[in-house]
Amino acid sequence: MNTKLTKNELRQIARRLIVDNAYRQDNSHIEKVTNSPEFINARVVGLYLSTDKEPATGELIAAAFASGKRVAVSAYNPQTRLYDWVELLPNMSLVEAKYGIMEPVGAESINPFEIDACFIPGMLFDKRGVRLGHGAGFYDRLLSQLRVNAVIVGIAFPWQIVDTLPVEPHDIFCTKVIY
């Protein structure tokens, strides 16, 4: 992929790739994530409630609960118009919220410093761990709240991996990307 493209041009290409590769989406990432040392060693995992365009996380959340882990997810805060970390509990009801993202009903905030490993989606990732998101900076803000030694792992489909992506000063790199 041409690295001279802007982030917005890359997002347009990624949107087409998502549509073109919808039939190729599988759950091969589940076992890779649950067997990763980052997941195994974490007491508190940051996860996302996946949309149909992202690697699914339902089984990851179930595996986290089954192994006694606490789970943090993002929830939109209408007062700040930003996302905060909240604790997802087993059997919590979910509701569709801002941007069509599911969120737990009545979740309490969780201290981001408690998160040991955070597993995140993206539109594209490069081999250095650079993540291209949707462009609003929500994940960069969320990730900046984590403690310095927290592990950040991107979860992607193989076709979401490119050689290099443009980097801006506020971008937070993934420690690794699982695909």
Foldseek 3Di string as FASTA:
>chain_A
DDQVDALVVVLVVLVVVLVVCLVVQDQPLQVVQCPDCLNVVAQEEEEFCDDSSWRHCPVVVVSCVVVNHWYWYWDADVVVRAIAIFTDDPPFDWDQDPPRGIDGPPTHGDQQQSHQEYEEEASAAEQFQFGRHPPPCRVLVHVVRYDPNRAYEYEHDPVRYDHDYDDDPSTDGHPYYGD
